[in-house]
């Protein structure tokens, strides 16, 4: 067996793995679940991922949640177009998986999209949950994780509500994460104001 044949075998394997990763757990499987099963999956996944991410990223995670809570309008304005761009990149990666170029690059793009976007969306849910808990005098991050997970499970009862909530929380979390990575000052400063900006009449 020559090197060319070996490469073609590996390419076929990578292509089959890519198609399985992107279509094995697809929309049909999700829609086949009952409303209570979807709610349970949403709650469990949100709770576990939030605990793992906030536990591993002890600086970046809480800062992202803080950005979400203190300046949500700015975060959504940044996150909505960014989420659209990420979605376009992931869709492009999915479309080129079947080609010779996409055997490698397409899988990478899709893998990044299906790992980064859900994590940032869950960060948005945690921020919303903590804001709700703060209304009742319990402004702790771990309570925000629990309430955000319950909220994620609740919207899982309806597919339409899930789409709306995921888009909102995803835009919120993505925008806040971008602001934290860029080091944009503001949300951690006591004098920050979303509208009008600080130091401006």
Protein backbone atom coordinates (compact mmCIF):
# COMPACT_ATOMS: atom_id res chain seq x y z
CA UNK A 1 0.00 0.00 0.00
CA UNK A 2 1.47 3.30 -1.07
CA UNK A 3 1.32 6.64 0.75
CA UNK A 4 -1.44 7.87 -1.57
CA UNK A 5 -3.68 4.92 -0.73
CA UNK A 6 -3.04 5.39 2.96
CA UNK A 7 -3.97 9.07 2.68
CA UNK A 8 -7.23 8.21 0.87
CA UNK A 9 -8.18 5.75 3.60
CA UNK A 10 -7.50 8.32 6.30
CA UNK A 11 -9.47 10.92 4.35
CA UNK A 12 -12.46 8.61 4.14
CA UNK A 13 -12.27 7.89 7.85
CA UNK A 14 -12.05 11.58 8.69
CA UNK A 15 -14.97 12.35 6.39
CA UNK A 16 -17.13 9.65 7.99
CA UNK A 17 -16.23 10.93 11.46
CA UNK A 18 -17.10 14.47 10.43
CA UNK A 19 -20.49 13.46 9.08
CA UNK A 20 -21.22 11.43 12.20
CA UNK A 21 -20.21 14.32 14.47
CA UNK A 22 -22.43 16.79 12.66
CA UNK A 23 -25.43 14.62 11.80
CA UNK A 24 -25.30 11.78 14.33
CA UNK A 25 -27.03 13.87 16.99
CA UNK A 26 -29.13 16.12 14.84
CA UNK A 27 -32.34 18.03 14.86
CA UNK A 28 -34.45 14.93 14.25
CA UNK A 29 -33.09 13.24 17.36
CA UNK A 30 -33.77 16.36 19.42
CA UNK A 31 -37.30 16.74 18.12
CA UNK A 32 -37.97 13.06 18.85
CA UNK A 33 -37.62 13.76 22.57
CA UNK A 34 -40.70 14.60 24.59
CA UNK A 35 -41.08 18.02 26.22
CA UNK A 36 -40.12 16.71 29.67
CA UNK A 37 -37.11 14.87 28.24
CA UNK A 38 -35.94 18.03 26.49
CA UNK A 39 -36.37 20.00 29.72
CA UNK A 40 -34.36 17.40 31.64
CA UNK A 41 -31.58 17.37 29.04
CA UNK A 42 -31.42 21.18 29.00
CA UNK A 43 -31.27 21.36 32.80
CA UNK A 44 -28.63 18.65 33.15
CA UNK A 45 -26.37 19.88 30.34
CA UNK A 46 -26.57 23.52 31.49
CA UNK A 47 -25.85 22.62 35.11
CA UNK A 48 -22.92 20.32 34.36
CA UNK A 49 -21.28 22.52 31.72
CA UNK A 50 -21.71 25.66 33.83
CA UNK A 51 -20.08 24.02 36.85
CA UNK A 52 -17.21 22.62 34.79
CA UNK A 53 -16.52 25.82 32.83
CA UNK A 54 -16.82 28.16 35.81
CA UNK A 55 -14.67 25.76 37.83
CA UNK A 56 -11.93 25.52 35.21
CA UNK A 57 -12.02 29.15 34.04
CA UNK A 58 -12.15 30.75 37.47
CA UNK A 59 -11.23 34.20 36.15
CA UNK A 60 -12.68 34.31 32.64
CA UNK A 61 -16.00 32.62 33.50
CA UNK A 62 -17.15 34.90 36.35
CA UNK A 63 -15.92 37.98 34.46
CA UNK A 64 -18.06 36.99 31.47
CA UNK A 65 -21.10 36.55 33.70
CA UNK A 66 -20.42 39.94 35.32
CA UNK A 67 -20.19 41.62 31.92
CA UNK A 68 -23.49 40.02 30.95
CA UNK A 69 -25.25 41.35 34.01
CA UNK A 70 -23.87 44.86 34.24
CA UNK A 71 -24.06 45.90 30.59
CA UNK A 72 -26.39 43.53 28.73
CA UNK A 73 -27.30 46.00 25.98
CA UNK A 74 -23.68 46.48 24.89
CA UNK A 75 -23.03 42.74 25.13
CA UNK A 76 -26.03 41.91 22.93
CA UNK A 77 -25.08 44.58 20.38
CA UNK A 78 -21.63 43.00 20.09
CA UNK A 79 -22.71 39.40 20.50
CA UNK A 80 -25.57 39.24 17.99
CA UNK A 81 -23.47 39.98 14.87
CA UNK A 82 -20.57 37.94 16.28
CA UNK A 83 -22.88 34.96 16.78
CA UNK A 84 -24.08 35.39 13.20
CA UNK A 85 -20.49 35.32 11.93
CA UNK A 86 -19.68 32.23 14.00
CA UNK A 87 -22.80 30.54 12.67
CA UNK A 88 -21.78 31.34 9.11
CA UNK A 89 -18.28 29.96 9.69
CA UNK A 90 -19.63 26.75 11.24
CA UNK A 91 -22.14 26.35 8.39
CA UNK A 92 -19.33 26.77 5.87
CA UNK A 93 -17.30 24.14 7.68
CA UNK A 94 -20.27 21.77 7.63
CA UNK A 95 -20.78 22.28 3.89
CA UNK A 96 -17.15 21.62 2.98
CA UNK A 97 -16.78 18.48 5.10
CA UNK A 98 -17.59 16.30 2.10
CA UNK A 99 -14.89 17.92 -0.05
CA UNK A 100 -11.17 17.20 -0.11
CA UNK A 101 -10.43 20.56 1.52
CA UNK A 102 -13.09 20.18 4.18
CA UNK A 103 -12.02 16.73 5.35
CA UNK A 104 -9.74 18.45 7.84
CA UNK A 105 -10.67 22.13 7.94
CA UNK A 106 -14.42 21.57 7.97
CA UNK A 107 -14.26 19.28 10.99
CA UNK A 108 -12.13 21.82 12.87
CA UNK A 109 -14.56 24.67 12.15
CA UNK A 110 -17.58 22.62 13.17
CA UNK A 111 -15.84 21.33 16.30
CA UNK A 112 -14.97 24.87 17.40
CA UNK A 113 -18.52 26.02 16.78
CA UNK A 114 -20.22 23.19 18.68
CA UNK A 115 -17.93 23.67 21.68
CA UNK A 116 -17.55 27.46 21.97
CA UNK A 117 -21.09 28.60 21.16
CA UNK A 118 -22.89 26.30 23.66
CA UNK A 119 -20.48 27.29 26.44
CA UNK A 120 -21.04 31.00 25.83
CA UNK A 121 -24.80 30.43 25.60
CA UNK A 122 -24.76 28.68 28.97
CA UNK A 123 -22.78 31.62 30.39
CA UNK A 124 -25.64 33.84 29.21
CA UNK A 125 -28.17 31.60 30.98
CA UNK A 126 -26.12 31.76 34.19
CA UNK A 127 -26.04 35.56 34.02
CA UNK A 128 -29.81 35.71 33.51
CA UNK A 129 -30.31 33.25 36.37
CA UNK A 130 -28.09 35.25 38.72
CA UNK A 131 -29.94 38.45 37.83
CA UNK A 132 -33.25 36.75 38.65
CA UNK A 133 -31.85 35.42 41.94
CA UNK A 134 -30.51 38.89 42.81
CA UNK A 135 -34.08 40.20 42.68
CA UNK A 136 -34.81 37.95 45.65
CA UNK A 137 -31.70 38.98 47.58
CA UNK A 138 -29.52 35.97 46.67
CA UNK A 139 -26.76 37.39 44.49
CA UNK A 140 -24.34 34.45 44.42
CA UNK A 141 -22.80 32.83 41.36
CA UNK A 142 -23.71 29.27 42.34
CA UNK A 143 -27.34 30.27 42.76
CA UNK A 144 -27.16 31.84 39.31
CA UNK A 145 -25.95 28.49 37.96
CA UNK A 146 -28.92 26.66 39.50
CA UNK A 147 -31.51 29.26 38.47
CA UNK A 148 -30.01 29.53 34.98
CA UNK A 149 -30.17 25.74 34.62
CA UNK A 150 -33.80 25.74 35.75
CA UNK A 151 -34.56 28.48 33.24
CA UNK A 152 -32.83 26.50 30.48
CA UNK A 153 -34.90 23.45 31.39
CA UNK A 154 -38.09 25.49 31.45
CA UNK A 155 -37.63 26.87 27.95
CA UNK A 156 -36.86 23.33 26.80
CA UNK A 157 -40.56 22.53 27.10
CA UNK A 158 -41.15 24.49 23.88
CA UNK A 159 -38.98 24.34 20.75
CA UNK A 160 -39.86 27.92 19.80
CA UNK A 161 -39.04 29.21 23.29
CA UNK A 162 -35.78 27.28 23.15
CA UNK A 163 -34.75 28.94 19.88
CA UNK A 164 -35.57 32.44 21.18
CA UNK A 165 -33.87 31.88 24.55
CA UNK A 166 -30.76 30.32 22.99
CA UNK A 167 -30.37 33.20 20.54
CA UNK A 168 -30.76 35.76 23.34
CA UNK A 169 -28.48 34.00 25.82
CA UNK A 170 -25.98 33.17 23.07
CA UNK A 171 -25.76 36.79 21.95
CA UNK A 172 -25.42 37.91 25.56
CA UNK A 173 -22.69 35.41 26.40
CA UNK A 174 -20.77 35.84 23.14
CA UNK A 175 -20.69 39.62 23.39
CA UNK A 176 -19.58 39.53 27.01
CA UNK A 177 -16.84 36.99 26.29
CA UNK A 178 -15.51 39.12 23.43
CA UNK A 179 -15.46 42.18 25.69
CA UNK A 180 -13.61 40.26 28.40
CA UNK A 181 -11.03 38.91 25.93
CA UNK A 182 -10.47 42.35 24.45
CA UNK A 183 -10.03 43.77 27.93
CA UNK A 184 -12.65 46.46 27.32
CA UNK A 185 -12.92 48.32 30.59
CA UNK A 186 -16.23 49.32 32.00
CA UNK A 187 -18.37 46.67 33.55
CA UNK A 188 -16.09 46.07 36.52
CA UNK A 189 -15.79 49.78 37.25
CA UNK A 190 -18.33 51.18 39.74
CA UNK A 191 -18.95 54.29 37.64
CA UNK A 192 -19.94 52.39 34.49
CA UNK A 193 -23.25 53.30 32.92
CA UNK A 194 -24.67 51.62 29.86
CA UNK A 195 -26.75 54.61 28.68
CA UNK A 196 -25.55 57.34 28.86
CA UNK A 197 -21.82 56.52 29.11
CA UNK A 198 -19.92 57.59 32.18
CA UNK A 199 -18.43 61.09 32.16
CA UNK A 200 -20.86 62.25 29.49
CA UNK A 201 -23.86 64.51 29.97
